[in-house]
Amino acid sequence: MIIDPIGRDEARELARRELEKQMYQDNSSWLEKLWDQFTDWLNGLFEDASAPQAQGNGGGWVSIVIILVILAAAIAIVAWLMRGRRLTRSRKAPLLEEKPSASRDHRDAAERHAAAGQWAEAIRERLRAIARDLEERAILGPRPGRTADELAAEAGQALPELATDLLTGVRIFDDVWYGDRPGTAEGYATLTTLDERVRATRPRPLDGGGKDGEDEADGQGVLQGAGADPAAGGWRSPYIPAETGGEGR
């Protein structure tokens, strides 16, 4: 059988038609191509790592090291992402529990935890003592569901001279309770110092609370949300029953 020869132009046209067929088309995106190149490279690493002592396979041990580095990086990224999600969710948890409590009770609990070396619990109770003390002295209004971060923001506005220290104290609390960092004696000492400084602040009186300005001048004005105890001759925390007295420490 004799086949008639074809000319150059006819051969070029036949080749063009053949290459236009779907089987020859590569419609993958650049990301897919990059992924294919990465998987090919990774498969090559696994092939080399499967026989590191084989003759002519000098890169076998190098491949093993590279694979271990990749796995460690992947685990670290996943752990970081999971930690970020949990931290965001957990930081929305209320600092104070719904049941009534007094600042002195939280301080006593903090000291007990500190004596037992339970620094995380001690830090939490000391920050709770600060939050309750601010409410007892009407520097902050009682608000169920207040988070530690909200405490720092609101108390920082009421006590601007302590705003930075409040943020530092809350950051220690967040790192310990939501950031998987261990509590330390130094962290608890920082919260204790902050508690003492907060307690040393004077409650802000209402404007015009003193007679002819005298009460306001000596710090004995009427307090927002607080109750005056005539028998004791001074201010009494609204969180402490009248028969027990106390200063809302």
C-alpha atoms as a PDB file:
ATOM      1  CA  MET A   1       0.000   0.000   0.000  1.00  0.00           C
ATOM      2  CA  ILE A   2       1.442   3.257  -1.097  1.00  0.00           C
ATOM      3  CA  ILE A   3       0.771   6.323   1.072  1.00  0.00           C
ATOM      4  CA  ASP A   4       0.859   9.636  -0.694  1.00  0.00           C
ATOM      5  CA  PRO A   5       3.336  12.014   0.925  1.00  0.00           C
ATOM      6  CA  ILE A   6       1.912  15.120   2.578  1.00  0.00           C
ATOM      7  CA  GLY A   7       3.287  18.554   2.308  1.00  0.00           C
ATOM      8  CA  ARG A   8       4.784  20.677   5.094  1.00  0.00           C
ATOM      9  CA  ASP A   9       1.765  22.917   5.479  1.00  0.00           C
ATOM     10  CA  GLU A  10      -0.596  19.974   5.636  1.00  0.00           C
ATOM     11  CA  ALA A  11       1.562  18.279   8.283  1.00  0.00           C
ATOM     12  CA  ARG A  12       1.612  21.455  10.368  1.00  0.00           C
ATOM     13  CA  GLU A  13      -2.172  21.690  10.202  1.00  0.00           C
ATOM     14  CA  LEU A  14      -2.594  18.064  11.241  1.00  0.00           C
ATOM     15  CA  ALA A  15      -0.253  18.585  14.171  1.00  0.00           C
ATOM     16  CA  ARG A  16      -2.160  21.695  15.275  1.00  0.00           C
ATOM     17  CA  ARG A  17      -5.478  19.854  15.204  1.00  0.00           C
ATOM     18  CA  GLU A  18      -4.028  17.000  17.210  1.00  0.00           C
ATOM     19  CA  LEU A  19      -2.672  19.305  19.923  1.00  0.00           C
ATOM     20  CA  GLU A  20      -6.011  21.088  20.222  1.00  0.00           C
ATOM     21  CA  LYS A  21      -7.628  17.909  21.487  1.00  0.00           C
ATOM     22  CA  GLN A  22      -8.810  17.989  25.158  1.00  0.00           C
ATOM     23  CA  MET A  23      -6.340  15.330  26.227  1.00  0.00           C
ATOM     24  CA  TYR A  24      -3.449  17.685  25.558  1.00  0.00           C
ATOM     25  CA  GLN A  25      -4.907  20.698  27.341  1.00  0.00           C
ATOM     26  CA  ASP A  26      -3.621  21.710  30.787  1.00  0.00           C
ATOM     27  CA  ASN A  27      -6.246  23.926  32.415  1.00  0.00           C
ATOM     28  CA  SER A  28      -4.902  23.702  35.961  1.00  0.00           C
ATOM     29  CA  SER A  29      -4.313  26.917  37.872  1.00  0.00           C
ATOM     30  CA  TRP A  30      -0.909  28.092  39.025  1.00  0.00           C
ATOM     31  CA  LEU A  31      -1.798  27.001  42.571  1.00  0.00           C
ATOM     32  CA  GLU A  32      -2.571  23.484  41.374  1.00  0.00           C
ATOM     33  CA  LYS A  33       0.662  23.371  39.428  1.00  0.00           C
ATOM     34  CA  LEU A  34       2.589  24.559  42.465  1.00  0.00           C
ATOM     35  CA  TRP A  35       0.917  21.913  44.615  1.00  0.00           C
ATOM     36  CA  ASP A  36       1.752  19.223  42.050  1.00  0.00           C
ATOM     37  CA  GLN A  37       5.390  20.309  42.075  1.00  0.00           C
ATOM     38  CA  PHE A  38       5.437  20.243  45.880  1.00  0.00           C
ATOM     39  CA  THR A  39       3.888  16.766  46.078  1.00  0.00           C
ATOM     40  CA  ASP A  40       6.358  15.479  43.470  1.00  0.00           C
ATOM     41  CA  TRP A  41       9.218  16.914  45.502  1.00  0.00           C
ATOM     42  CA  LEU A  42       7.781  15.441  48.702  1.00  0.00           C
ATOM     43  CA  ASN A  43       7.346  12.038  47.083  1.00  0.00           C
ATOM     44  CA  GLY A  44      10.970  12.184  46.027  1.00  0.00           C
ATOM     45  CA  LEU A  45      11.973  12.883  49.625  1.00  0.00           C
ATOM     46  CA  PHE A  46      10.010   9.884  50.872  1.00  0.00           C
ATOM     47  CA  GLU A  47      11.561   7.664  48.212  1.00  0.00           C
ATOM     48  CA  ASP A  48      15.044   8.728  49.241  1.00  0.00           C
ATOM     49  CA  ALA A  49      14.211   8.429  52.945  1.00  0.00           C
ATOM     50  CA  SER A  50      12.881   4.903  52.512  1.00  0.00           C
ATOM     51  CA  ALA A  51      16.389   3.622  51.740  1.00  0.00           C
ATOM     52  CA  PRO A  52      18.902   6.102  53.178  1.00  0.00           C
ATOM     53  CA  GLN A  53      21.772   3.596  53.082  1.00  0.00           C
ATOM     54  CA  ALA A  54      21.170   2.457  49.515  1.00  0.00           C
ATOM     55  CA  GLN A  55      24.102   2.793  47.156  1.00  0.00           C
ATOM     56  CA  GLY A  56      24.052   6.051  45.274  1.00  0.00           C
ATOM     57  CA  ASN A  57      21.467   7.546  47.608  1.00  0.00           C
ATOM     58  CA  GLY A  58      23.599  10.074  49.399  1.00  0.00           C
ATOM     59  CA  GLY A  59      20.630  12.355  50.047  1.00  0.00           C
ATOM     60  CA  GLY A  60      18.613   9.787  51.977  1.00  0.00           C
ATOM     61  CA  TRP A  61      19.494  11.062  55.449  1.00  0.00           C
ATOM     62  CA  VAL A  62      19.063  14.640  54.303  1.00  0.00           C
ATOM     63  CA  SER A  63      15.578  13.738  53.108  1.00  0.00           C
ATOM     64  CA  ILE A  64      14.724  12.291  56.522  1.00  0.00           C
ATOM     65  CA  VAL A  65      15.831  15.479  58.263  1.00  0.00           C
ATOM     66  CA  ILE A  66      13.818  17.638  55.850  1.00  0.00           C
ATOM     67  CA  ILE A  67      10.701  15.502  56.393  1.00  0.00           C
ATOM     68  CA  LEU A  68      11.037  15.797  60.181  1.00  0.00           C
ATOM     69  CA  VAL A  69      11.407  19.571  59.922  1.00  0.00           C
ATOM     70  CA  ILE A  70       8.299  19.794  57.743  1.00  0.00           C
ATOM     71  CA  LEU A  71       6.287  17.675  60.190  1.00  0.00           C
ATOM     72  CA  ALA A  72       7.449  19.762  63.162  1.00  0.00           C
ATOM     73  CA  ALA A  73       6.503  22.981  61.362  1.00  0.00           C
ATOM     74  CA  ALA A  74       3.069  21.596  60.457  1.00  0.00           C
ATOM     75  CA  ILE A  75       2.415  20.528  64.062  1.00  0.00           C
ATOM     76  CA  ALA A  76       3.515  23.936  65.364  1.00  0.00           C
ATOM     77  CA  ILE A  77       1.215  25.771  62.936  1.00  0.00           C
ATOM     78  CA  VAL A  78      -1.782  23.616  63.862  1.00  0.00           C
ATOM     79  CA  ALA A  79      -1.094  24.047  67.588  1.00  0.00           C
ATOM     80  CA  TRP A  80      -0.802  27.821  67.165  1.00  0.00           C
ATOM     81  CA  LEU A  81      -4.070  28.025  65.246  1.00  0.00           C
ATOM     82  CA  MET A  82      -5.912  25.882  67.796  1.00  0.00           C
ATOM     83  CA  ARG A  83      -4.489  27.906  70.669  1.00  0.00           C
ATOM     84  CA  GLY A  84      -5.621  31.142  69.034  1.00  0.00           C
ATOM     85  CA  ARG A  85      -9.188  29.862  68.660  1.00  0.00           C
ATOM     86  CA  ARG A  86      -9.349  28.601  72.234  1.00  0.00           C
ATOM     87  CA  LEU A  87      -7.845  31.821  73.588  1.00  0.00           C
ATOM     88  CA  THR A  88     -10.444  33.916  71.770  1.00  0.00           C
ATOM     89  CA  ARG A  89     -13.309  31.794  73.099  1.00  0.00           C
ATOM     90  CA  SER A  90     -11.985  31.522  76.650  1.00  0.00           C
ATOM     91  CA  ARG A  91     -11.266  35.212  77.116  1.00  0.00           C
ATOM     92  CA  LYS A  92     -14.993  35.854  76.793  1.00  0.00           C
ATOM     93  CA  ALA A  93     -15.649  33.928  80.017  1.00  0.00           C
ATOM     94  CA  PRO A  94     -16.823  36.030  82.990  1.00  0.00           C
ATOM     95  CA  LEU A  95     -14.178  36.735  85.605  1.00  0.00           C
ATOM     96  CA  LEU A  96     -16.521  36.625  88.590  1.00  0.00           C
ATOM     97  CA  GLU A  97     -18.948  33.839  89.302  1.00  0.00           C
ATOM     98  CA  GLU A  98     -22.666  34.549  89.572  1.00  0.00           C
ATOM     99  CA  LYS A  99     -22.875  33.735  93.272  1.00  0.00           C
ATOM    100  CA  PRO A 100     -22.307  36.686  95.670  1.00  0.00           C
ATOM    101  CA  SER A 101     -18.820  37.091  97.060  1.00  0.00           C
ATOM    102  CA  ALA A 102     -16.675  39.631  98.857  1.00  0.00           C
ATOM    103  CA  SER A 103     -13.232  40.868  97.921  1.00  0.00           C
ATOM    104  CA  ARG A 104     -11.783  39.705 101.243  1.00  0.00           C
ATOM    105  CA  ASP A 105     -12.979  36.166 100.513  1.00  0.00           C
ATOM    106  CA  HIS A 106     -11.113  36.161  97.204  1.00  0.00           C
ATOM    107  CA  ARG A 107      -7.993  37.519  98.891  1.00  0.00           C
ATOM    108  CA  ASP A 108      -8.109  34.802 101.531  1.00  0.00           C
ATOM    109  CA  ALA A 109      -8.521  32.177  98.823  1.00  0.00           C
ATOM    110  CA  ALA A 110      -5.616  33.667  96.870  1.00  0.00           C
ATOM    111  CA  GLU A 111      -3.352  33.480  99.914  1.00  0.00           C
ATOM    112  CA  ARG A 112      -4.312  29.855 100.516  1.00  0.00           C
ATOM    113  CA  HIS A 113      -3.517  28.925  96.926  1.00  0.00           C
ATOM    114  CA  ALA A 114      -0.234  30.828  97.077  1.00  0.00           C
ATOM    115  CA  ALA A 115       0.783  29.046 100.275  1.00  0.00           C
ATOM    116  CA  ALA A 116       0.143  25.732  98.497  1.00  0.00           C
ATOM    117  CA  GLY A 117       2.146  26.801  95.455  1.00  0.00           C
ATOM    118  CA  GLN A 118      -0.958  26.871  93.264  1.00  0.00           C
ATOM    119  CA  TRP A 119       0.036  30.048  91.456  1.00  0.00           C
ATOM    120  CA  ALA A 120      -2.529  29.909  88.642  1.00  0.00           C
ATOM    121  CA  GLU A 121      -5.426  29.697  91.096  1.00  0.00           C
ATOM    122  CA  ALA A 122      -3.830  32.353  93.298  1.00  0.00           C
ATOM    123  CA  ILE A 123      -3.523  34.755  90.353  1.00  0.00           C
ATOM    124  CA  ARG A 124      -7.166  34.218  89.404  1.00  0.00           C
ATOM    125  CA  GLU A 125      -8.455  34.801  92.934  1.00  0.00           C
ATOM    126  CA  ARG A 126      -6.333  37.938  93.372  1.00  0.00           C
ATOM    127  CA  LEU A 127      -7.712  39.401  90.136  1.00  0.00           C
ATOM    128  CA  ARG A 128     -11.219  38.512  91.287  1.00  0.00           C
ATOM    129  CA  ALA A 129     -10.508  40.327  94.535  1.00  0.00           C
ATOM    130  CA  ILE A 130      -9.552  43.423  92.546  1.00  0.00           C
ATOM    131  CA  ALA A 131     -12.725  43.227  90.472  1.00  0.00           C
ATOM    132  CA  ARG A 132     -14.967  42.772  93.495  1.00  0.00           C
ATOM    133  CA  ASP A 133     -13.199  45.537  95.434  1.00  0.00           C
ATOM    134  CA  LEU A 134     -13.842  47.988  92.598  1.00  0.00           C
ATOM    135  CA  GLU A 135     -17.527  47.080  92.657  1.00  0.00           C
ATOM    136  CA  GLU A 136     -17.777  47.221  96.448  1.00  0.00           C
ATOM    137  CA  ARG A 137     -16.379  50.732  96.494  1.00  0.00           C
ATOM    138  CA  ALA A 138     -18.593  51.798  93.566  1.00  0.00           C
ATOM    139  CA  ILE A 139     -15.645  52.630  91.344  1.00  0.00           C
ATOM    140  CA  LEU A 140     -17.220  50.193  88.896  1.00  0.00           C
ATOM    141  CA  GLY A 141     -20.867  49.315  88.757  1.00  0.00           C
ATOM    142  CA  PRO A 142     -21.797  45.660  89.281  1.00  0.00           C
ATOM    143  CA  ARG A 143     -22.161  43.985  85.892  1.00  0.00           C
ATOM    144  CA  PRO A 144     -22.653  40.230  85.527  1.00  0.00           C
ATOM    145  CA  GLY A 145     -20.562  38.631  82.816  1.00  0.00           C
ATOM    146  CA  ARG A 146     -17.711  41.153  82.933  1.00  0.00           C
ATOM    147  CA  THR A 147     -14.563  39.586  81.483  1.00  0.00           C
ATOM    148  CA  ALA A 148     -11.002  40.209  82.628  1.00  0.00           C
ATOM    149  CA  ASP A 149     -10.258  42.289  79.538  1.00  0.00           C
ATOM    150  CA  GLU A 150     -13.379  44.370  80.087  1.00  0.00           C
ATOM    151  CA  LEU A 151     -12.334  44.856  83.705  1.00  0.00           C
ATOM    152  CA  ALA A 152      -8.987  46.280  82.604  1.00  0.00           C
ATOM    153  CA  ALA A 153     -10.632  48.614  80.091  1.00  0.00           C
ATOM    154  CA  GLU A 154     -13.338  49.919  82.425  1.00  0.00           C
ATOM    155  CA  ALA A 155     -11.165  50.178  85.514  1.00  0.00           C
ATOM    156  CA  GLY A 156      -8.452  51.863  83.448  1.00  0.00           C
ATOM    157  CA  GLN A 157     -10.911  54.614  82.557  1.00  0.00           C
ATOM    158  CA  ALA A 158     -11.987  55.059  86.169  1.00  0.00           C
ATOM    159  CA  LEU A 159      -8.393  54.885  87.461  1.00  0.00           C
ATOM    160  CA  PRO A 160      -6.231  56.197  84.618  1.00  0.00           C
ATOM    161  CA  GLU A 161      -3.131  56.256  86.804  1.00  0.00           C
ATOM    162  CA  LEU A 162      -3.395  52.458  87.079  1.00  0.00           C
ATOM    163  CA  ALA A 163      -4.490  51.728  83.504  1.00  0.00           C
ATOM    164  CA  THR A 164      -1.136  50.286  82.424  1.00  0.00           C
ATOM    165  CA  ASP A 165      -0.789  48.182  85.577  1.00  0.00           C
ATOM    166  CA  LEU A 166      -4.320  46.837  85.139  1.00  0.00           C
ATOM    167  CA  LEU A 167      -3.542  45.774  81.586  1.00  0.00           C
ATOM    168  CA  THR A 168      -0.362  44.076  82.790  1.00  0.00           C
ATOM    169  CA  GLY A 169      -2.223  42.220  85.529  1.00  0.00           C
ATOM    170  CA  VAL A 170      -4.945  41.029  83.174  1.00  0.00           C
ATOM    171  CA  ARG A 171      -2.336  39.941  80.629  1.00  0.00           C
ATOM    172  CA  ILE A 172      -0.705  37.760  83.286  1.00  0.00           C
ATOM    173  CA  PHE A 173      -4.108  36.241  84.071  1.00  0.00           C
ATOM    174  CA  ASP A 174      -4.890  35.627  80.387  1.00  0.00           C
ATOM    175  CA  ASP A 175      -1.505  34.030  79.718  1.00  0.00           C
ATOM    176  CA  VAL A 176      -1.898  31.657  82.652  1.00  0.00           C
ATOM    177  CA  TRP A 177      -5.546  30.682  82.262  1.00  0.00           C
ATOM    178  CA  TYR A 178      -6.010  30.867  78.512  1.00  0.00           C
ATOM    179  CA  GLY A 179      -2.483  30.761  77.091  1.00  0.00           C
ATOM    180  CA  ASP A 180      -1.221  27.529  78.669  1.00  0.00           C
ATOM    181  CA  ARG A 181       1.558  29.329  80.529  1.00  0.00           C
ATOM    182  CA  PRO A 182       2.386  28.259  84.070  1.00  0.00           C
ATOM    183  CA  GLY A 183       1.535  30.539  86.965  1.00  0.00           C
ATOM    184  CA  THR A 184       4.541  31.877  88.862  1.00  0.00           C
ATOM    185  CA  ALA A 185       5.274  33.498  92.184  1.00  0.00           C
ATOM    186  CA  GLU A 186       6.437  36.603  90.302  1.00  0.00           C
ATOM    187  CA  GLY A 187       3.129  36.831  88.463  1.00  0.00           C
ATOM    188  CA  TYR A 188       1.194  36.497  91.707  1.00  0.00           C
ATOM    189  CA  ALA A 189       3.382  39.167  93.336  1.00  0.00           C
ATOM    190  CA  THR A 190       2.533  41.533  90.484  1.00  0.00           C
ATOM    191  CA  LEU A 191      -1.202  40.947  91.018  1.00  0.00           C
ATOM    192  CA  THR A 192      -0.801  41.401  94.781  1.00  0.00           C
ATOM    193  CA  THR A 193       0.949  44.734  94.307  1.00  0.00           C
ATOM    194  CA  LEU A 194      -1.758  45.810  91.871  1.00  0.00           C
ATOM    195  CA  ASP A 195      -4.441  44.832  94.388  1.00  0.00           C
ATOM    196  CA  GLU A 196      -2.773  46.935  97.076  1.00  0.00           C
ATOM    197  CA  ARG A 197      -2.521  49.937  94.767  1.00  0.00           C
ATOM    198  CA  VAL A 198      -6.165  49.617  93.738  1.00  0.00           C
ATOM    199  CA  ARG A 199      -7.223  49.422  97.384  1.00  0.00           C
ATOM    200  CA  ALA A 200      -5.239  52.588  98.121  1.00  0.00           C
ATOM    201  CA  THR A 201      -7.250  54.598  95.595  1.00  0.00           C
ATOM    202  CA  ARG A 202     -10.087  56.720  96.973  1.00  0.00           C
ATOM    203  CA  PRO A 203     -13.595  56.177  95.591  1.00  0.00           C
ATOM    204  CA  ARG A 204     -14.779  58.973  93.337  1.00  0.00           C
ATOM    205  CA  PRO A 205     -17.557  61.047  95.002  1.00  0.00           C
ATOM    206  CA  LEU A 206     -20.580  62.336  93.152  1.00  0.00           C
ATOM    207  CA  ASP A 207     -20.373  65.940  91.985  1.00  0.00           C
ATOM    208  CA  GLY A 208     -21.895  68.185  94.613  1.00  0.00           C
ATOM    209  CA  GLY A 209     -21.971  65.365  97.160  1.00  0.00           C
ATOM    210  CA  GLY A 210     -20.378  67.449  99.939  1.00  0.00           C
ATOM    211  CA  LYS A 211     -21.855  70.356 101.867  1.00  0.00           C
ATOM    212  CA  ASP A 212     -20.357  73.624 100.602  1.00  0.00           C
ATOM    213  CA  GLY A 213     -17.602  71.544  99.044  1.00  0.00           C
ATOM    214  CA  GLU A 214     -16.257  70.439 102.439  1.00  0.00           C
ATOM    215  CA  ASP A 215     -17.233  66.771 102.087  1.00  0.00           C
ATOM    216  CA  GLU A 216     -15.744  66.579  98.616  1.00  0.00           C
ATOM    217  CA  ALA A 217     -12.537  68.175  99.802  1.00  0.00           C
ATOM    218  CA  ASP A 218     -11.931  65.632 102.568  1.00  0.00           C
ATOM    219  CA  GLY A 219     -13.003  62.603 100.473  1.00  0.00           C
ATOM    220  CA  GLN A 220     -16.163  61.898 102.485  1.00  0.00           C
ATOM    221  CA  GLY A 221     -18.679  62.644  99.732  1.00  0.00           C
ATOM    222  CA  VAL A 222     -21.580  60.422  98.759  1.00  0.00           C
ATOM    223  CA  LEU A 223     -20.390  57.497  96.629  1.00  0.00           C
ATOM    224  CA  GLN A 224     -22.029  56.127  93.547  1.00  0.00           C
ATOM    225  CA  GLY A 225     -23.898  52.949  94.426  1.00  0.00           C
ATOM    226  CA  ALA A 226     -22.456  52.804  97.953  1.00  0.00           C
ATOM    227  CA  GLY A 227     -24.359  52.898 101.228  1.00  0.00           C
ATOM    228  CA  ALA A 228     -23.672  55.142 104.173  1.00  0.00           C
ATOM    229  CA  ASP A 229     -23.623  53.425 107.545  1.00  0.00           C
ATOM    230  CA  PRO A 230     -24.632  55.986 110.196  1.00  0.00           C
ATOM    231  CA  ALA A 231     -23.792  53.625 113.062  1.00  0.00           C
ATOM    232  CA  ALA A 232     -20.255  53.193 111.800  1.00  0.00           C
ATOM    233  CA  GLY A 233     -19.954  56.861 110.903  1.00  0.00           C
ATOM    234  CA  GLY A 234     -18.690  56.195 107.385  1.00  0.00           C
ATOM    235  CA  TRP A 235     -19.115  54.328 104.136  1.00  0.00           C
ATOM    236  CA  ARG A 236     -20.221  50.696 103.988  1.00  0.00           C
ATOM    237  CA  SER A 237     -19.906  48.370 101.007  1.00  0.00           C
ATOM    238  CA  PRO A 238     -23.278  47.419  99.505  1.00  0.00           C
ATOM    239  CA  TYR A 239     -21.937  43.840  99.238  1.00  0.00           C
ATOM    240  CA  ILE A 240     -21.415  43.384 102.985  1.00  0.00           C
ATOM    241  CA  PRO A 241     -24.393  43.060 105.378  1.00  0.00           C
ATOM    242  CA  ALA A 242     -24.767  45.887 107.888  1.00  0.00           C
ATOM    243  CA  GLU A 243     -24.360  43.622 110.873  1.00  0.00           C
ATOM    244  CA  THR A 244     -20.922  42.415 109.710  1.00  0.00           C
ATOM    245  CA  GLY A 245     -19.481  45.840 109.013  1.00  0.00           C
ATOM    246  CA  GLY A 246     -16.177  45.736 107.158  1.00  0.00           C
ATOM    247  CA  GLU A 247     -14.452  47.900 104.634  1.00  0.00           C
ATOM    248  CA  GLY A 248     -14.941  45.726 101.576  1.00  0.00           C
ATOM    249  CA  ARG A 249     -11.345  44.734 101.603  1.00  0.00           C
END
